[in-house]
Amino acid sequence: MGMYITEPLPGEKRARLVFGLDWRAYPLKGKKDGRARYAEDFTATHYVEMQVGDVMLGGFCAPDASDLKGVKLYSGAARVAMLERVRTRPAVLVLMQDGQRAHLVYVVRGAVNNDEVVSLAQAEKRRDEIAQQCRRQGLALVVLTSGEALAQGDEPFQTVELLALKKAGKLARVPVGVPNAVVFLLAAGVGIFAVKEAVSVFSPPALPANARPTWTQQYEKALRHEFVAGTPMASQLAPQLIETIVDFDSNREGWQFRDATCPRAGYCSLAYTRTGGTFEDFARRAPASMLPLTFDRSGLALGARGPAVPEVAAVVAAQSKAWPGEQQLIDMLQTPAQQLSTRPFDLKSFGYRVRLSPAQPLINTPPPANERHGPLIRAGTWEIDGYRWQAPLLARLPPDMTLETLKVTLDTEAPEEMGKVGIKFVAKGKYYVVQ
């Protein structure tokens, strides 16, 4: 489970919410020992605590030092659990869309059970799993949702509700020291020694307050963050989206299809140009699947919701052994349709162009010589422009290429060889290689 820090909160430049903490419960009496034990288990540098009945609930995380400069971090899950309509119910699942990811918070009788950052596709799967868990436990589950890409819940949820609890859920640094229980055990074992010797045992040098995680820990965190929000395989998703979009009517009620823009999850958005119709004509005959509609003030364009982005296989780090190397990737992209290629990072052919950026490490600092590590994953970006008839080339893309966005446009200035009208696409994404 990855941790995610939001953008600055409205009206609070230094405040940010954090999702994806590890939560555990421990006795209220002796909470320092419980806090220290779990902080060590999770290699956590920061924590937040909530009292729920006669137990203490703690959330733990280890944000990067760069994420802490001049900011105040607050637990989003803690704020959710403190809301009146959440803590007074037996079980509440809150799903909040944030771009191409979703924040999932599951609260049982006021206690945070799950605090996750998942892809939009994973959110529906987790929702079903938690609903089944509640049925087995006899809990009445209420689902609150926020975001158009998420299926409707029992009640809507407004993220502004979290802004009302301005000082709630603030993260604090884990105190440096030895838990009381450990001190008592040490005292029993060394009681026969002189007081002077015992003092030296009980007072070890404090760890540096700014102790940083190891390079390997930083890399593993960056790797989890890279793949946490879903990485759809471009070879599967791009061709499906193109064929789905071209099935739409190019002309509707005096409006001509202009373009469609699709993210990697959620819904595509459609744009139409006016060719004699009116807003009223389009709105009256538009199916429910195209709602909501947005009308441009100029009167010359409108927007509508497009088809849902299908769920396909994902690019996952566990399959990195099957990925081609960077040069091998370039060679694979030079298909027969690209024989006019002259430069490795700008592969050209008739109406078909591939652009590749050099692969970069997931973290900027190189691994230290004294730390052992296995093969390292590097990431680069790619862009492919082409026409619909070249979409089968996308189906041949290597399995280490993910799709971020796809734009399909009605090209009315296509070359004469294309009949002066064509369906053009621009696909963008990431590729991964192993160093």
Protein backbone atom coordinates (compact mmCIF):
# COMPACT_ATOMS: atom_id res chain seq x y z
CA MET A 1 0.00 0.00 0.00
CA GLY A 2 1.52 3.34 -1.02
CA MET A 3 1.34 6.64 0.81
CA TYR A 4 0.09 9.74 -1.00
CA ILE A 5 0.32 13.43 -0.03
CA THR A 6 -2.24 15.78 -1.55
CA GLU A 7 -1.70 19.25 -2.95
CA PRO A 8 -1.96 22.23 -0.50
CA LEU A 9 -5.40 22.55 1.05
CA PRO A 10 -7.54 25.53 -0.01
CA GLY A 11 -6.89 28.45 2.31
CA GLU A 12 -3.99 26.64 4.00
CA LYS A 13 -0.85 26.84 1.88
CA ARG A 14 1.24 24.77 4.29
CA ALA A 15 -1.35 22.10 5.06
CA ARG A 16 -1.62 18.80 3.17
CA LEU A 17 -3.57 15.60 3.71
CA VAL A 18 -1.84 12.20 3.81
CA PHE A 19 -3.52 8.93 2.84
CA GLY A 20 -2.17 5.39 3.02
CA LEU A 21 -1.01 5.18 6.64
CA ASP A 22 -0.55 1.87 8.48
CA TRP A 23 -3.05 1.70 11.39
CA ARG A 24 -2.90 -0.39 14.55
CA ALA A 25 -4.76 -0.43 17.89
CA TYR A 26 -3.04 -0.71 21.28
CA PRO A 27 -4.05 -0.24 24.94
CA LEU A 28 -4.64 3.29 26.14
CA LYS A 29 -2.63 2.48 29.24
CA GLY A 30 0.97 2.14 28.18
CA LYS A 31 0.32 3.76 24.81
CA LYS A 32 3.95 4.92 24.59
CA ASP A 33 5.11 1.32 24.46
CA GLY A 34 2.53 0.41 21.81
CA ARG A 35 3.38 3.46 19.74
CA ALA A 36 7.11 2.74 19.89
CA ARG A 37 6.64 -0.93 19.01
CA TYR A 38 4.54 -0.26 15.90
CA ALA A 39 6.68 2.68 14.82
CA GLU A 40 9.64 0.31 14.82
CA ASP A 41 7.68 -2.40 12.97
CA PHE A 42 6.72 0.02 10.19
CA THR A 43 10.04 1.94 10.19
CA ALA A 44 7.87 4.99 10.74
CA THR A 45 9.10 8.50 11.43
CA HIS A 46 5.66 10.09 11.99
CA TYR A 47 2.38 9.07 13.58
CA VAL A 48 -1.12 10.25 14.44
CA GLU A 49 -3.27 8.92 17.32
CA MET A 50 -7.01 8.77 17.99
CA GLN A 51 -8.71 7.48 21.12
CA VAL A 52 -11.56 5.09 20.28
CA GLY A 53 -13.29 3.82 23.40
CA ASP A 54 -10.73 2.31 25.75
CA VAL A 55 -8.03 1.79 23.10
CA MET A 56 -5.65 4.04 21.22
CA LEU A 57 -5.61 3.90 17.43
CA GLY A 58 -2.34 4.90 15.77
CA GLY A 59 -1.51 5.60 12.12
CA PHE A 60 2.15 5.37 11.04
CA CYS A 61 4.13 6.52 8.00
CA ALA A 62 7.60 7.55 6.84
CA PRO A 63 7.36 10.57 4.52
CA ASP A 64 10.47 11.74 2.67
CA ALA A 65 12.36 14.64 4.18
CA SER A 66 11.58 16.67 1.03
CA ASP A 67 7.84 16.24 1.72
CA LEU A 68 8.22 17.79 5.18
CA LYS A 69 9.89 21.08 4.29
CA GLY A 70 7.69 23.97 5.37
CA VAL A 71 4.48 21.93 5.48
CA LYS A 72 2.08 20.48 8.03
CA LEU A 73 0.76 17.00 7.35
CA TYR A 74 -2.67 15.79 8.48
CA SER A 75 -4.14 12.29 8.21
CA GLY A 76 -7.05 12.24 5.75
CA ALA A 77 -8.36 8.97 7.20
CA ALA A 78 -8.34 10.40 10.74
CA ARG A 79 -10.41 13.37 9.58
CA VAL A 80 -12.86 11.06 7.83
CA ALA A 81 -13.28 8.96 10.99
CA MET A 82 -13.94 12.09 13.08
CA LEU A 83 -16.88 13.25 10.93
CA GLU A 84 -20.20 13.01 12.79
CA ARG A 85 -21.97 10.98 10.09
CA VAL A 86 -19.08 8.51 9.96
CA ARG A 87 -18.24 7.85 13.62
CA THR A 88 -21.88 7.38 14.61
CA ARG A 89 -22.47 4.51 12.17
CA PRO A 90 -21.44 0.84 12.47
CA ALA A 91 -19.43 0.75 9.22
CA VAL A 92 -18.68 3.41 6.62
CA LEU A 93 -16.64 3.17 3.42
CA VAL A 94 -15.55 6.49 1.91
CA LEU A 95 -14.19 6.57 -1.66
CA MET A 96 -12.72 9.84 -2.96
CA GLN A 97 -11.53 10.28 -6.54
CA ASP A 98 -8.28 12.22 -6.91
CA GLY A 99 -7.34 12.34 -10.59
CA GLN A 100 -6.57 8.80 -11.72
CA ARG A 101 -6.42 7.41 -8.17
CA ALA A 102 -8.89 6.94 -5.35
CA HIS A 103 -8.48 7.37 -1.59
CA LEU A 104 -10.26 4.57 0.29
CA VAL A 105 -11.06 4.90 4.00
CA TYR A 106 -13.01 2.15 5.80
CA VAL A 107 -14.18 3.00 9.32
CA VAL A 108 -15.81 0.56 11.76
CA ARG A 109 -17.45 2.07 14.86
CA GLY A 110 -15.26 5.16 14.62
CA ALA A 111 -11.98 3.26 14.11
CA VAL A 112 -9.97 3.36 10.88
CA ASN A 113 -9.67 -0.19 9.52
CA ASN A 114 -8.35 0.57 6.03
CA ASP A 115 -6.52 3.62 4.68
CA GLU A 116 -5.54 2.94 1.07
CA VAL A 117 -4.53 4.65 -2.16
CA VAL A 118 -5.72 2.59 -5.13
CA SER A 119 -6.42 2.93 -8.85
CA LEU A 120 -9.98 3.71 -9.96
CA ALA A 121 -10.37 0.15 -11.24
CA GLN A 122 -9.09 -1.30 -7.96
CA ALA A 123 -11.51 0.90 -5.99
CA GLU A 124 -14.56 -1.03 -7.26
CA LYS A 125 -12.92 -4.36 -6.45
CA ARG A 126 -12.04 -3.24 -2.92
CA ARG A 127 -15.57 -1.88 -2.46
CA ASP A 128 -17.04 -5.31 -3.24
CA GLU A 129 -14.55 -7.07 -0.94
CA ILE A 130 -15.34 -4.76 1.99
CA ALA A 131 -19.10 -5.13 1.37
CA GLN A 132 -18.74 -8.93 1.53
CA GLN A 133 -16.69 -8.63 4.72
CA CYS A 134 -19.43 -6.51 6.33
CA ARG A 135 -22.10 -9.05 5.39
CA ARG A 136 -20.11 -11.83 7.03
CA GLN A 137 -19.69 -9.73 10.19
CA GLY A 138 -23.30 -8.56 10.26
CA LEU A 139 -22.36 -4.88 9.85
CA ALA A 140 -24.62 -2.41 8.03
CA LEU A 141 -22.30 -0.72 5.53
CA VAL A 142 -22.86 2.80 4.22
CA VAL A 143 -20.81 3.83 1.17
CA LEU A 144 -19.98 7.51 0.59
CA THR A 145 -18.45 8.48 -2.76
CA SER A 146 -16.92 11.57 -4.34
CA GLY A 147 -15.94 11.72 -8.03
CA GLU A 148 -17.61 11.11 -11.39
CA ALA A 149 -15.39 8.12 -12.24
CA LEU A 150 -16.60 6.18 -9.19
CA ALA A 151 -19.86 4.26 -9.04
CA GLN A 152 -22.54 6.04 -7.04
CA GLY A 153 -22.65 5.23 -3.34
CA ASP A 154 -25.43 5.30 -0.76
CA GLU A 155 -24.70 8.96 -0.13
CA PRO A 156 -22.54 11.61 -1.82
CA PHE A 157 -19.38 12.77 -0.10
CA GLN A 158 -17.90 16.24 -0.40
CA THR A 159 -14.14 16.49 0.18
CA VAL A 160 -14.68 19.99 1.60
CA GLU A 161 -16.06 18.26 4.70
CA LEU A 162 -12.46 17.40 5.59
CA LEU A 163 -11.47 21.07 5.51
CA ALA A 164 -13.79 21.92 8.41
CA LEU A 165 -11.58 19.93 10.81
CA LYS A 166 -8.62 22.29 10.40
CA LYS A 167 -6.40 21.07 13.24
CA ALA A 168 -7.58 17.46 13.44
CA GLY A 169 -5.35 14.53 12.55
CA LYS A 170 -2.02 16.34 12.60
CA LEU A 171 1.00 14.07 12.20
CA ALA A 172 3.77 14.24 14.79
CA ARG A 173 7.32 12.94 14.75
CA VAL A 174 7.82 9.63 16.53
CA PRO A 175 9.66 10.42 19.81
CA VAL A 176 13.19 9.11 20.03
CA GLY A 177 13.67 6.92 23.08
CA VAL A 178 13.33 3.47 24.61
CA PRO A 179 9.84 2.10 25.52
CA ASN A 180 9.13 1.75 29.24
CA ALA A 181 8.59 -2.02 28.98
CA VAL A 182 12.03 -2.45 27.46
CA VAL A 183 13.56 -0.33 30.22
CA PHE A 184 11.98 -2.53 32.91
CA LEU A 185 13.29 -5.71 31.29
CA LEU A 186 16.77 -4.27 31.03
CA ALA A 187 16.63 -3.14 34.65
CA ALA A 188 15.81 -6.67 35.80
CA GLY A 189 18.71 -8.10 33.82
CA VAL A 190 21.39 -5.63 34.85
CA GLY A 191 20.34 -4.88 38.41
CA ILE A 192 23.44 -6.60 39.76
CA PHE A 193 25.73 -4.10 38.09
CA ALA A 194 26.83 -0.84 39.54
CA VAL A 195 24.58 2.20 39.19
CA LYS A 196 27.15 3.92 37.03
CA GLU A 197 27.18 1.01 34.59
CA ALA A 198 23.38 0.79 34.61
CA VAL A 199 23.02 4.46 33.74
CA SER A 200 25.18 3.92 30.68
CA VAL A 201 22.82 1.14 29.59
CA PHE A 202 19.63 3.11 30.21
CA SER A 203 20.86 6.23 28.43
CA PRO A 204 21.95 5.21 24.93
CA PRO A 205 22.83 8.02 22.54
CA ALA A 206 19.71 9.41 20.89
CA LEU A 207 19.17 8.72 17.22
CA PRO A 208 19.54 11.77 14.99
CA ALA A 209 16.24 13.62 14.68
CA ASN A 210 16.72 13.91 10.92
CA ALA A 211 17.63 10.25 10.31
CA ARG A 212 16.85 9.41 6.69
CA PRO A 213 15.71 6.07 5.27
CA THR A 214 18.29 4.03 3.40
CA TRP A 215 18.66 4.34 -0.37
CA THR A 216 17.00 0.95 -0.82
CA GLN A 217 14.01 2.05 1.25
CA GLN A 218 13.72 5.24 -0.82
CA TYR A 219 13.85 3.23 -4.05
CA GLU A 220 11.22 0.73 -2.86
CA LYS A 221 8.93 3.59 -1.87
CA ALA A 222 9.37 5.24 -5.28
CA LEU A 223 8.68 1.88 -6.96
CA ARG A 224 5.43 1.39 -5.00
CA HIS A 225 4.34 4.94 -5.81
CA GLU A 226 5.11 4.42 -9.52
CA PHE A 227 2.75 1.45 -9.83
CA VAL A 228 0.13 2.21 -7.14
CA ALA A 229 -2.34 4.14 -9.29
CA GLY A 230 -2.70 1.58 -12.10
CA THR A 231 -0.56 1.09 -15.18
CA PRO A 232 -2.75 -0.20 -18.05
CA MET A 233 -0.86 -2.02 -20.79
CA ALA A 234 -0.80 0.23 -23.85
CA SER A 235 -0.91 -2.66 -26.33
CA GLN A 236 -4.31 -3.70 -24.95
CA LEU A 237 -5.94 -0.41 -24.01
CA ALA A 238 -5.04 1.91 -26.91
CA PRO A 239 -6.50 -0.18 -29.77
CA GLN A 240 -9.69 -0.85 -27.80
CA LEU A 241 -10.23 2.85 -27.12
CA ILE A 242 -9.66 3.84 -30.74
CA GLU A 243 -12.19 1.32 -32.05
CA THR A 244 -14.71 2.32 -29.38
CA ILE A 245 -14.47 6.00 -30.25
CA VAL A 246 -14.69 5.62 -34.04
CA ASP A 247 -18.00 3.80 -33.54
CA PHE A 248 -19.56 7.05 -32.31
CA ASP A 249 -21.63 9.05 -34.80
CA SER A 250 -19.42 11.73 -36.35
CA ASN A 251 -22.45 14.01 -36.79
CA ARG A 252 -25.27 14.52 -34.28
CA GLU A 253 -28.07 17.06 -34.63
CA GLY A 254 -25.98 19.60 -36.53
CA TRP A 255 -22.81 19.01 -34.48
CA GLN A 256 -19.65 17.36 -35.82
CA PHE A 257 -17.33 15.21 -33.73
CA ARG A 258 -14.04 17.04 -33.15
CA ASP A 259 -12.02 14.94 -30.71
CA ALA A 260 -12.09 12.55 -27.76
CA THR A 261 -9.64 12.56 -24.87
CA CYS A 262 -9.29 9.44 -22.73
CA PRO A 263 -7.37 9.01 -19.44
CA ARG A 264 -6.03 5.65 -18.32
CA ALA A 265 -9.14 5.05 -16.20
CA GLY A 266 -12.59 6.55 -15.77
CA TYR A 267 -14.38 8.07 -18.76
CA CYS A 268 -13.35 9.68 -22.03
CA SER A 269 -14.50 13.22 -22.79
CA LEU A 270 -15.97 14.13 -26.20
CA ALA A 271 -15.86 17.49 -28.00
CA TYR A 272 -18.15 18.56 -30.85
CA THR A 273 -18.06 21.55 -33.20
CA ARG A 274 -21.23 23.30 -34.30
CA THR A 275 -22.22 22.83 -37.95
CA GLY A 276 -25.68 24.38 -37.87
CA GLY A 277 -27.31 22.75 -34.87
CA THR A 278 -28.33 24.24 -31.51
CA PHE A 279 -27.55 23.33 -27.93
CA GLU A 280 -31.20 22.47 -27.38
CA ASP A 281 -31.24 20.01 -30.31
CA PHE A 282 -28.17 18.19 -29.04
CA ALA A 283 -29.30 18.12 -25.40
CA ARG A 284 -32.78 16.85 -26.25
CA ARG A 285 -31.50 13.81 -28.14
CA ALA A 286 -28.32 13.07 -26.18
CA PRO A 287 -28.46 9.70 -24.36
CA ALA A 288 -27.95 9.56 -20.59
CA SER A 289 -24.50 8.04 -21.12
CA MET A 290 -23.28 11.35 -22.62
CA LEU A 291 -24.34 13.46 -19.64
CA PRO A 292 -23.33 15.88 -18.25
CA LEU A 293 -23.03 18.23 -21.24
CA THR A 294 -20.98 21.43 -21.22
CA PHE A 295 -21.73 24.23 -23.66
CA ASP A 296 -19.08 26.74 -24.72
CA ARG A 297 -20.02 30.40 -24.34
CA SER A 298 -18.97 31.05 -27.93
CA GLY A 299 -21.83 28.84 -29.10
CA LEU A 300 -19.46 26.97 -31.42
CA ALA A 301 -18.48 23.96 -29.30
CA LEU A 302 -19.79 21.59 -26.65
CA GLY A 303 -18.45 18.76 -24.52
CA ALA A 304 -19.99 15.45 -23.45
CA ARG A 305 -19.04 12.39 -21.48
CA GLY A 306 -17.64 9.62 -23.64
CA PRO A 307 -17.30 5.86 -23.20
CA ALA A 308 -15.89 4.25 -20.08
CA VAL A 309 -12.25 3.28 -20.26
CA PRO A 310 -12.13 -0.54 -20.23
CA GLU A 311 -10.09 -2.39 -17.64
CA VAL A 312 -7.12 -4.25 -19.13
CA ALA A 313 -4.04 -6.06 -17.85
CA ALA A 314 -1.58 -3.84 -16.03
CA VAL A 315 2.16 -3.44 -16.34
CA VAL A 316 3.56 -4.66 -13.03
CA ALA A 317 7.07 -4.62 -11.64
CA ALA A 318 6.90 -8.35 -10.86
CA GLN A 319 7.06 -9.07 -14.61
CA SER A 320 10.18 -6.97 -15.21
CA LYS A 321 12.25 -10.03 -16.20
CA ALA A 322 10.17 -10.26 -19.38
CA TRP A 323 10.67 -6.61 -20.36
CA PRO A 324 12.99 -5.71 -23.23
CA GLY A 325 16.02 -3.48 -22.66
CA GLU A 326 16.03 0.14 -23.78
CA GLN A 327 17.82 -0.47 -27.09
CA GLN A 328 15.81 -3.62 -27.69
CA LEU A 329 12.64 -1.57 -27.15
CA ILE A 330 13.73 0.87 -29.86
CA ASP A 331 14.44 -2.00 -32.24
CA MET A 332 11.00 -3.50 -31.58
CA LEU A 333 9.26 -0.21 -32.35
CA GLN A 334 10.95 -0.03 -35.76
CA THR A 335 8.28 -2.09 -37.49
CA PRO A 336 8.05 -2.35 -41.31
CA ALA A 337 5.83 0.73 -41.30
CA GLN A 338 8.74 2.73 -39.89
CA GLN A 339 11.46 1.97 -42.41
CA LEU A 340 12.00 5.70 -43.00
CA SER A 341 13.44 5.98 -39.49
CA THR A 342 16.74 7.83 -39.35
CA ARG A 343 17.15 8.63 -35.64
CA PRO A 344 16.67 6.23 -32.72
CA PHE A 345 14.61 8.60 -30.56
CA ASP A 346 12.48 10.12 -33.36
CA LEU A 347 11.16 7.28 -35.50
CA LYS A 348 9.21 8.56 -38.52
CA SER A 349 7.10 7.06 -41.28
CA PHE A 350 4.04 7.99 -43.30
CA GLY A 351 1.74 9.64 -40.76
CA TYR A 352 3.21 7.55 -37.94
CA ARG A 353 5.71 8.95 -35.47
CA VAL A 354 7.19 7.54 -32.28
CA ARG A 355 8.94 9.74 -29.75
CA LEU A 356 10.88 8.28 -26.85
CA SER A 357 12.54 10.09 -23.98
CA PRO A 358 15.60 8.43 -22.46
CA ALA A 359 14.79 6.26 -19.43
CA GLN A 360 15.53 7.88 -16.07
CA PRO A 361 16.01 6.36 -12.58
CA LEU A 362 12.99 6.39 -10.26
CA ILE A 363 15.01 8.41 -7.70
CA ASN A 364 17.63 11.02 -8.49
CA THR A 365 20.42 9.81 -6.18
CA PRO A 366 22.56 6.88 -7.37
CA PRO A 367 22.81 3.80 -5.14
CA PRO A 368 25.70 3.95 -2.65
CA ALA A 369 28.52 1.49 -3.15
CA ASN A 370 27.96 -0.13 0.27
CA GLU A 371 24.29 -1.06 -0.38
CA ARG A 372 23.52 -4.25 -2.26
CA HIS A 373 20.56 -4.22 -4.61
CA GLY A 374 19.11 -6.22 -7.48
CA PRO A 375 18.12 -5.00 -10.96
CA LEU A 376 16.76 -1.44 -10.93
CA ILE A 377 13.76 -0.21 -12.91
CA ARG A 378 14.04 2.99 -14.96
CA ALA A 379 11.15 4.91 -16.54
CA GLY A 380 10.81 6.98 -19.70
CA THR A 381 7.96 8.61 -21.61
CA TRP A 382 6.70 7.88 -25.10
CA GLU A 383 4.32 9.42 -27.64
CA ILE A 384 2.95 7.86 -30.80
CA ASP A 385 1.01 9.80 -33.45
CA GLY A 386 -0.79 8.00 -36.26
CA TYR A 387 -4.01 7.32 -38.10
CA ARG A 388 -6.73 4.79 -37.36
CA TRP A 389 -5.51 2.33 -39.99
CA GLN A 390 -2.20 2.18 -38.11
CA ALA A 391 -3.84 1.21 -34.79
CA PRO A 392 -2.74 -2.47 -35.21
CA LEU A 393 0.82 -1.22 -34.67
CA LEU A 394 -0.23 -0.20 -31.15
CA ALA A 395 -1.32 -3.77 -30.45
CA ARG A 396 2.28 -4.86 -31.06
CA LEU A 397 3.78 -2.56 -28.43
CA PRO A 398 6.03 -4.32 -25.88
CA PRO A 399 4.53 -5.32 -22.49
CA ASP A 400 6.54 -2.68 -20.59
CA MET A 401 4.64 0.27 -22.11
CA THR A 402 1.70 1.85 -20.26
CA LEU A 403 -0.95 4.24 -21.58
CA GLU A 404 -1.52 7.55 -19.78
CA THR A 405 -3.70 9.44 -22.29
CA LEU A 406 -5.16 8.92 -25.76
CA LYS A 407 -6.58 11.66 -27.97
CA VAL A 408 -8.54 10.78 -31.10
CA THR A 409 -9.22 13.63 -33.54
CA LEU A 410 -11.19 14.05 -36.75
CA ASP A 411 -8.44 15.34 -39.06
CA THR A 412 -10.02 17.40 -41.85
CA GLU A 413 -6.62 18.40 -43.24
CA ALA A 414 -5.23 14.93 -43.82
CA PRO A 415 -3.00 14.28 -46.89
CA GLU A 416 -4.68 13.57 -50.22
CA GLU A 417 -3.60 9.94 -49.92
CA MET A 418 -5.88 9.73 -46.87
CA GLY A 419 -8.82 11.24 -48.73
CA LYS A 420 -8.28 14.61 -46.96
CA VAL A 421 -10.23 13.32 -43.97
CA GLY A 422 -8.93 10.87 -41.41
CA ILE A 423 -9.15 9.72 -37.80
CA LYS A 424 -5.89 10.64 -36.11
CA PHE A 425 -4.68 9.55 -32.69
CA VAL A 426 -2.04 10.76 -30.26
CA ALA A 427 -1.17 8.21 -27.57
CA LYS A 428 1.11 9.01 -24.62
CA GLY A 429 2.43 6.95 -21.78
CA LYS A 430 5.41 5.55 -19.93
CA TYR A 431 7.79 2.68 -20.59
CA TYR A 432 9.93 0.80 -18.10
CA VAL A 433 13.26 -0.93 -18.54
CA VAL A 434 15.56 -2.78 -16.18
CA GLN A 435 19.06 -1.46 -15.64
